[in-house]
Amino acid sequence: MFTQLDLAREVHGQLLEVRAILANSVAGIKGRCSDDEYRVYRKMVGDALGTIVVEGLTPIEERHPSLIQQDIDAST
């Protein structure tokens, strides 16, 4: 995905940001809604995160391995 490194870097960074926002949103609602609402939301976010990783980040990182470190740094 994305042969141009500059474009790949831009999209990769955006996907990392979105991934962090979504992951943090799950923690942010815990205890503020019913358990059922929390489970439904957590599953929906988990599905979205899976798609972001499998269909977005992984193909970009396979084509541009230098971006893998950016992914690791964003996770810490």
PDB file of N, CA and C in Angstrom:
ATOM      1  N   MET A   1       0.849  -1.176   0.000  1.00  0.00           N
ATOM      2  CA  MET A   1       0.000   0.000   0.000  1.00  0.00           C
ATOM      3  C   MET A   1       0.894   1.238   0.000  1.00  0.00           C
ATOM      4  N   PHE A   2       0.598   2.157  -0.853  1.00  0.00           N
ATOM      5  CA  PHE A   2       1.304   3.431  -0.993  1.00  0.00           C
ATOM      6  C   PHE A   2       2.790   3.244  -1.300  1.00  0.00           C
ATOM      7  N   THR A   3       3.119   3.336  -2.559  1.00  0.00           N
ATOM      8  CA  THR A   3       4.511   3.159  -2.962  1.00  0.00           C
ATOM      9  C   THR A   3       5.367   4.353  -2.556  1.00  0.00           C
ATOM     10  N   GLN A   4       4.783   5.534  -2.497  1.00  0.00           N
ATOM     11  CA  GLN A   4       5.547   6.735  -2.126  1.00  0.00           C
ATOM     12  C   GLN A   4       5.726   6.775  -0.606  1.00  0.00           C
ATOM     13  N   LEU A   5       6.973   6.825  -0.167  1.00  0.00           N
ATOM     14  CA  LEU A   5       7.277   6.807   1.266  1.00  0.00           C
ATOM     15  C   LEU A   5       6.645   7.985   1.995  1.00  0.00           C
ATOM     16  N   ASP A   6       6.687   9.182   1.402  1.00  0.00           N
ATOM     17  CA  ASP A   6       6.114  10.343   2.089  1.00  0.00           C
ATOM     18  C   ASP A   6       4.625  10.159   2.365  1.00  0.00           C
ATOM     19  N   LEU A   7       3.900   9.666   1.382  1.00  0.00           N
ATOM     20  CA  LEU A   7       2.470   9.433   1.563  1.00  0.00           C
ATOM     21  C   LEU A   7       2.237   8.311   2.561  1.00  0.00           C
ATOM     22  N   ALA A   8       3.014   7.248   2.453  1.00  0.00           N
ATOM     23  CA  ALA A   8       2.890   6.132   3.392  1.00  0.00           C
ATOM     24  C   ALA A   8       3.151   6.610   4.819  1.00  0.00           C
ATOM     25  N   ARG A   9       4.174   7.436   5.013  1.00  0.00           N
ATOM     26  CA  ARG A   9       4.503   7.958   6.346  1.00  0.00           C
ATOM     27  C   ARG A   9       3.343   8.797   6.893  1.00  0.00           C
ATOM     28  N   GLU A  10       2.756   9.629   6.040  1.00  0.00           N
ATOM     29  CA  GLU A  10       1.639  10.484   6.451  1.00  0.00           C
ATOM     30  C   GLU A  10       0.434   9.643   6.890  1.00  0.00           C
ATOM     31  N   VAL A  11       0.032   8.701   6.041  1.00  0.00           N
ATOM     32  CA  VAL A  11      -1.130   7.869   6.355  1.00  0.00           C
ATOM     33  C   VAL A  11      -0.844   6.976   7.562  1.00  0.00           C
ATOM     34  N   HIS A  12       0.347   6.423   7.627  1.00  0.00           N
ATOM     35  CA  HIS A  12       0.746   5.579   8.753  1.00  0.00           C
ATOM     36  C   HIS A  12       0.625   6.357  10.059  1.00  0.00           C
ATOM     37  N   GLY A  13       1.129   7.564  10.075  1.00  0.00           N
ATOM     38  CA  GLY A  13       1.040   8.395  11.272  1.00  0.00           C
ATOM     39  C   GLY A  13      -0.398   8.686  11.661  1.00  0.00           C
ATOM     40  N   GLN A  14      -1.231   8.955  10.670  1.00  0.00           N
ATOM     41  CA  GLN A  14      -2.646   9.222  10.950  1.00  0.00           C
ATOM     42  C   GLN A  14      -3.331   7.985  11.517  1.00  0.00           C
ATOM     43  N   LEU A  15      -3.018   6.825  10.958  1.00  0.00           N
ATOM     44  CA  LEU A  15      -3.611   5.593  11.474  1.00  0.00           C
ATOM     45  C   LEU A  15      -3.163   5.318  12.907  1.00  0.00           C
ATOM     46  N   LEU A  16      -1.916   5.617  13.219  1.00  0.00           N
ATOM     47  CA  LEU A  16      -1.440   5.446  14.597  1.00  0.00           C
ATOM     48  C   LEU A  16      -2.194   6.377  15.548  1.00  0.00           C
ATOM     49  N   GLU A  17      -2.435   7.606  15.106  1.00  0.00           N
ATOM     50  CA  GLU A  17      -3.183   8.557  15.933  1.00  0.00           C
ATOM     51  C   GLU A  17      -4.610   8.075  16.167  1.00  0.00           C
ATOM     52  N   VAL A  18      -5.260   7.633  15.110  1.00  0.00           N
ATOM     53  CA  VAL A  18      -6.632   7.144  15.226  1.00  0.00           C
ATOM     54  C   VAL A  18      -6.680   5.925  16.142  1.00  0.00           C
ATOM     55  N   ARG A  19      -5.709   5.038  15.981  1.00  0.00           N
ATOM     56  CA  ARG A  19      -5.649   3.844  16.828  1.00  0.00           C
ATOM     57  C   ARG A  19      -5.554   4.236  18.299  1.00  0.00           C
ATOM     58  N   ALA A  20      -4.720   5.200  18.613  1.00  0.00           N
ATOM     59  CA  ALA A  20      -4.561   5.641  19.999  1.00  0.00           C
ATOM     60  C   ALA A  20      -5.836   6.295  20.530  1.00  0.00           C
ATOM     61  N   ILE A  21      -6.463   7.128  19.724  1.00  0.00           N
ATOM     62  CA  ILE A  21      -7.706   7.793  20.140  1.00  0.00           C
ATOM     63  C   ILE A  21      -8.785   6.762  20.447  1.00  0.00           C
ATOM     64  N   LEU A  22      -8.939   5.791  19.545  1.00  0.00           N
ATOM     65  CA  LEU A  22      -9.963   4.767  19.762  1.00  0.00           C
ATOM     66  C   LEU A  22      -9.660   3.939  21.001  1.00  0.00           C
ATOM     67  N   ALA A  23      -8.419   3.511  21.151  1.00  0.00           N
ATOM     68  CA  ALA A  23      -8.051   2.703  22.319  1.00  0.00           C
ATOM     69  C   ALA A  23      -8.294   3.483  23.610  1.00  0.00           C
ATOM     70  N   ASN A  24      -7.931   4.746  23.620  1.00  0.00           N
ATOM     71  CA  ASN A  24      -8.128   5.568  24.816  1.00  0.00           C
ATOM     72  C   ASN A  24      -9.603   5.816  25.086  1.00  0.00           C
ATOM     73  N   SER A  25     -10.421   5.838  24.043  1.00  0.00           N
ATOM     74  CA  SER A  25     -11.841   6.093  24.248  1.00  0.00           C
ATOM     75  C   SER A  25     -12.501   4.959  25.019  1.00  0.00           C
ATOM     76  N   VAL A  26     -12.017   3.742  24.845  1.00  0.00           N
ATOM     77  CA  VAL A  26     -12.573   2.606  25.584  1.00  0.00           C
ATOM     78  C   VAL A  26     -12.299   2.787  27.076  1.00  0.00           C
ATOM     79  N   ALA A  27     -11.072   3.117  27.408  1.00  0.00           N
ATOM     80  CA  ALA A  27     -10.732   3.343  28.817  1.00  0.00           C
ATOM     81  C   ALA A  27     -11.513   4.525  29.381  1.00  0.00           C
ATOM     82  N   GLY A  28     -11.761   5.521  28.547  1.00  0.00           N
ATOM     83  CA  GLY A  28     -12.438   6.726  29.008  1.00  0.00           C
ATOM     84  C   GLY A  28     -13.907   6.552  29.341  1.00  0.00           C
ATOM     85  N   ILE A  29     -14.545   5.518  28.817  1.00  0.00           N
ATOM     86  CA  ILE A  29     -15.967   5.329  29.112  1.00  0.00           C
ATOM     87  C   ILE A  29     -16.219   4.294  30.199  1.00  0.00           C
ATOM     88  N   LYS A  30     -15.175   3.545  30.544  1.00  0.00           N
ATOM     89  CA  LYS A  30     -15.355   2.482  31.555  1.00  0.00           C
ATOM     90  C   LYS A  30     -15.863   3.090  32.856  1.00  0.00           C
ATOM     91  N   GLY A  31     -16.939   2.509  33.370  1.00  0.00           N
ATOM     92  CA  GLY A  31     -17.521   2.995  34.613  1.00  0.00           C
ATOM     93  C   GLY A  31     -18.473   4.161  34.423  1.00  0.00           C
ATOM     94  N   ARG A  32     -18.593   4.649  33.201  1.00  0.00           N
ATOM     95  CA  ARG A  32     -19.467   5.795  32.931  1.00  0.00           C
ATOM     96  C   ARG A  32     -20.715   5.395  32.171  1.00  0.00           C
ATOM     97  N   CYS A  33     -20.843   4.103  31.876  1.00  0.00           N
ATOM     98  CA  CYS A  33     -22.010   3.595  31.173  1.00  0.00           C
ATOM     99  C   CYS A  33     -22.286   2.193  31.703  1.00  0.00           C
ATOM    100  N   SER A  34     -23.357   1.598  31.228  1.00  0.00           N
ATOM    101  CA  SER A  34     -23.680   0.249  31.703  1.00  0.00           C
ATOM    102  C   SER A  34     -22.639  -0.743  31.195  1.00  0.00           C
ATOM    103  N   ASP A  35     -22.568  -1.898  31.851  1.00  0.00           N
ATOM    104  CA  ASP A  35     -21.638  -2.944  31.424  1.00  0.00           C
ATOM    105  C   ASP A  35     -21.952  -3.399  30.003  1.00  0.00           C
ATOM    106  N   ASP A  36     -23.243  -3.507  29.695  1.00  0.00           N
ATOM    107  CA  ASP A  36     -23.633  -3.915  28.335  1.00  0.00           C
ATOM    108  C   ASP A  36     -23.179  -2.886  27.305  1.00  0.00           C
ATOM    109  N   GLU A  37     -23.382  -1.610  27.582  1.00  0.00           N
ATOM    110  CA  GLU A  37     -22.940  -0.561  26.655  1.00  0.00           C
ATOM    111  C   GLU A  37     -21.430  -0.597  26.488  1.00  0.00           C
ATOM    112  N   TYR A  38     -20.741  -0.795  27.600  1.00  0.00           N
ATOM    113  CA  TYR A  38     -19.280  -0.856  27.556  1.00  0.00           C
ATOM    114  C   TYR A  38     -18.813  -2.015  26.696  1.00  0.00           C
ATOM    115  N   ARG A  39     -19.386  -3.198  26.871  1.00  0.00           N
ATOM    116  CA  ARG A  39     -18.992  -4.369  26.085  1.00  0.00           C
ATOM    117  C   ARG A  39     -19.246  -4.160  24.593  1.00  0.00           C
ATOM    118  N   VAL A  40     -20.402  -3.602  24.253  1.00  0.00           N
ATOM    119  CA  VAL A  40     -20.734  -3.358  22.841  1.00  0.00           C
ATOM    120  C   VAL A  40     -19.737  -2.372  22.244  1.00  0.00           C
ATOM    121  N   TYR A  41     -19.460  -1.293  22.970  1.00  0.00           N
ATOM    122  CA  TYR A  41     -18.529  -0.284  22.461  1.00  0.00           C
ATOM    123  C   TYR A  41     -17.119  -0.850  22.339  1.00  0.00           C
ATOM    124  N   ARG A  42     -16.690  -1.587  23.354  1.00  0.00           N
ATOM    125  CA  ARG A  42     -15.351  -2.172  23.338  1.00  0.00           C
ATOM    126  C   ARG A  42     -15.179  -3.128  22.156  1.00  0.00           C
ATOM    127  N   LYS A  43     -16.202  -3.918  21.863  1.00  0.00           N
ATOM    128  CA  LYS A  43     -16.133  -4.825  20.723  1.00  0.00           C
ATOM    129  C   LYS A  43     -16.077  -4.046  19.412  1.00  0.00           C
ATOM    130  N   MET A  44     -16.898  -3.012  19.293  1.00  0.00           N
ATOM    131  CA  MET A  44     -16.899  -2.210  18.075  1.00  0.00           C
ATOM    132  C   MET A  44     -15.538  -1.566  17.846  1.00  0.00           C
ATOM    133  N   VAL A  45     -14.955  -1.017  18.900  1.00  0.00           N
ATOM    134  CA  VAL A  45     -13.640  -0.403  18.787  1.00  0.00           C
ATOM    135  C   VAL A  45     -12.585  -1.469  18.482  1.00  0.00           C
ATOM    136  N   GLY A  46     -12.687  -2.616  19.124  1.00  0.00           N
ATOM    137  CA  GLY A  46     -11.746  -3.698  18.848  1.00  0.00           C
ATOM    138  C   GLY A  46     -11.789  -4.134  17.388  1.00  0.00           C
ATOM    139  N   ASP A  47     -13.002  -4.235  16.846  1.00  0.00           N
ATOM    140  CA  ASP A  47     -13.137  -4.591  15.429  1.00  0.00           C
ATOM    141  C   ASP A  47     -12.493  -3.534  14.540  1.00  0.00           C
ATOM    142  N   ALA A  48     -12.735  -2.273  14.874  1.00  0.00           N
ATOM    143  CA  ALA A  48     -12.154  -1.175  14.086  1.00  0.00           C
ATOM    144  C   ALA A  48     -10.629  -1.187  14.189  1.00  0.00           C
ATOM    145  N   LEU A  49     -10.113  -1.418  15.383  1.00  0.00           N
ATOM    146  CA  LEU A  49      -8.662  -1.460  15.568  1.00  0.00           C
ATOM    147  C   LEU A  49      -8.047  -2.611  14.783  1.00  0.00           C
ATOM    148  N   GLY A  50      -8.723  -3.740  14.779  1.00  0.00           N
ATOM    149  CA  GLY A  50      -8.237  -4.871  13.993  1.00  0.00           C
ATOM    150  C   GLY A  50      -8.141  -4.533  12.519  1.00  0.00           C
ATOM    151  N   THR A  51      -9.149  -3.860  12.012  1.00  0.00           N
ATOM    152  CA  THR A  51      -9.142  -3.452  10.607  1.00  0.00           C
ATOM    153  C   THR A  51      -8.019  -2.463  10.332  1.00  0.00           C
ATOM    154  N   ILE A  52      -7.834  -1.506  11.228  1.00  0.00           N
ATOM    155  CA  ILE A  52      -6.773  -0.514  11.052  1.00  0.00           C
ATOM    156  C   ILE A  52      -5.414  -1.202  10.976  1.00  0.00           C
ATOM    157  N   VAL A  53      -5.191  -2.157  11.856  1.00  0.00           N
ATOM    158  CA  VAL A  53      -3.899  -2.848  11.883  1.00  0.00           C
ATOM    159  C   VAL A  53      -3.729  -3.761  10.671  1.00  0.00           C
ATOM    160  N   VAL A  54      -4.708  -4.628  10.438  1.00  0.00           N
ATOM    161  CA  VAL A  54      -4.572  -5.658   9.400  1.00  0.00           C
ATOM    162  C   VAL A  54      -4.619  -5.063   7.992  1.00  0.00           C
ATOM    163  N   GLU A  55      -5.526  -4.134   7.768  1.00  0.00           N
ATOM    164  CA  GLU A  55      -5.713  -3.615   6.417  1.00  0.00           C
ATOM    165  C   GLU A  55      -4.999  -2.292   6.160  1.00  0.00           C
ATOM    166  N   GLY A  56      -4.521  -1.655   7.215  1.00  0.00           N
ATOM    167  CA  GLY A  56      -3.860  -0.366   7.058  1.00  0.00           C
ATOM    168  C   GLY A  56      -2.395  -0.398   7.429  1.00  0.00           C
ATOM    169  N   LEU A  57      -2.108  -0.556   8.711  1.00  0.00           N
ATOM    170  CA  LEU A  57      -0.734  -0.469   9.185  1.00  0.00           C
ATOM    171  C   LEU A  57       0.159  -1.586   8.641  1.00  0.00           C
ATOM    172  N   THR A  58      -0.327  -2.818   8.677  1.00  0.00           N
ATOM    173  CA  THR A  58       0.510  -3.941   8.244  1.00  0.00           C
ATOM    174  C   THR A  58       0.939  -3.822   6.781  1.00  0.00           C
ATOM    175  N   PRO A  59       0.025  -3.557   5.844  1.00  0.00           N
ATOM    176  CA  PRO A  59       0.467  -3.433   4.448  1.00  0.00           C
ATOM    177  C   PRO A  59       1.461  -2.286   4.229  1.00  0.00           C
ATOM    178  N   ILE A  60       1.252  -1.184   4.943  1.00  0.00           N
ATOM    179  CA  ILE A  60       2.177  -0.053   4.811  1.00  0.00           C
ATOM    180  C   ILE A  60       3.544  -0.443   5.352  1.00  0.00           C
ATOM    181  N   GLU A  61       3.573  -1.093   6.519  1.00  0.00           N
ATOM    182  CA  GLU A  61       4.842  -1.478   7.139  1.00  0.00           C
ATOM    183  C   GLU A  61       5.558  -2.572   6.348  1.00  0.00           C
ATOM    184  N   GLU A  62       4.797  -3.429   5.692  1.00  0.00           N
ATOM    185  CA  GLU A  62       5.438  -4.449   4.851  1.00  0.00           C
ATOM    186  C   GLU A  62       6.155  -3.806   3.668  1.00  0.00           C
ATOM    187  N   ARG A  63       5.571  -2.765   3.112  1.00  0.00           N
ATOM    188  CA  ARG A  63       6.190  -2.077   1.977  1.00  0.00           C
ATOM    189  C   ARG A  63       7.287  -1.128   2.444  1.00  0.00           C
ATOM    190  N   HIS A  64       7.127  -0.557   3.631  1.00  0.00           N
ATOM    191  CA  HIS A  64       8.081   0.432   4.152  1.00  0.00           C
ATOM    192  C   HIS A  64       8.474   0.043   5.585  1.00  0.00           C
ATOM    193  N   PRO A  65       9.359  -0.936   5.738  1.00  0.00           N
ATOM    194  CA  PRO A  65       9.737  -1.423   7.070  1.00  0.00           C
ATOM    195  C   PRO A  65      10.298  -0.339   7.990  1.00  0.00           C
ATOM    196  N   SER A  66      10.815   0.729   7.434  1.00  0.00           N
ATOM    197  CA  SER A  66      11.357   1.798   8.282  1.00  0.00           C
ATOM    198  C   SER A  66      10.281   2.441   9.148  1.00  0.00           C
ATOM    199  N   LEU A  67       9.024   2.270   8.796  1.00  0.00           N
ATOM    200  CA  LEU A  67       7.943   2.867   9.570  1.00  0.00           C
ATOM    201  C   LEU A  67       7.550   2.008  10.777  1.00  0.00           C
ATOM    202  N   ILE A  68       8.066   0.799  10.859  1.00  0.00           N
ATOM    203  CA  ILE A  68       7.732  -0.075  11.975  1.00  0.00           C
ATOM    204  C   ILE A  68       8.182   0.539  13.294  1.00  0.00           C
ATOM    205  N   GLN A  69       9.332   1.156  13.337  1.00  0.00           N
ATOM    206  CA  GLN A  69       9.826   1.783  14.569  1.00  0.00           C
ATOM    207  C   GLN A  69       8.887   2.891  15.004  1.00  0.00           C
ATOM    208  N   GLN A  70       8.323   3.629  14.058  1.00  0.00           N
ATOM    209  CA  GLN A  70       7.371   4.681  14.387  1.00  0.00           C
ATOM    210  C   GLN A  70       6.165   4.070  15.106  1.00  0.00           C
ATOM    211  N   ASP A  71       5.723   2.917  14.651  1.00  0.00           N
ATOM    212  CA  ASP A  71       4.616   2.203  15.261  1.00  0.00           C
ATOM    213  C   ASP A  71       4.963   1.787  16.684  1.00  0.00           C
ATOM    214  N   ILE A  72       6.163   1.260  16.881  1.00  0.00           N
ATOM    215  CA  ILE A  72       6.622   0.845  18.216  1.00  0.00           C
ATOM    216  C   ILE A  72       6.717   2.048  19.141  1.00  0.00           C
ATOM    217  N   ASP A  73       7.275   3.136  18.657  1.00  0.00           N
ATOM    218  CA  ASP A  73       7.430   4.338  19.473  1.00  0.00           C
ATOM    219  C   ASP A  73       6.066   4.897  19.885  1.00  0.00           C
ATOM    220  N   ALA A  74       5.079   4.832  18.996  1.00  0.00           N
ATOM    221  CA  ALA A  74       3.757   5.370  19.294  1.00  0.00           C
ATOM    222  C   ALA A  74       3.026   4.522  20.331  1.00  0.00           C
ATOM    223  N   SER A  75       3.397   3.261  20.443  1.00  0.00           N
ATOM    224  CA  SER A  75       2.742   2.362  21.384  1.00  0.00           C
ATOM    225  C   SER A  75       3.244   2.526  22.807  1.00  0.00           C
ATOM    226  N   THR A  76       4.393   3.150  22.967  1.00  0.00           N
ATOM    227  CA  THR A  76       4.972   3.273  24.310  1.00  0.00           C
ATOM    228  C   THR A  76       4.658   4.592  24.939  1.00  0.00           C
TER     229      THR A  76
END
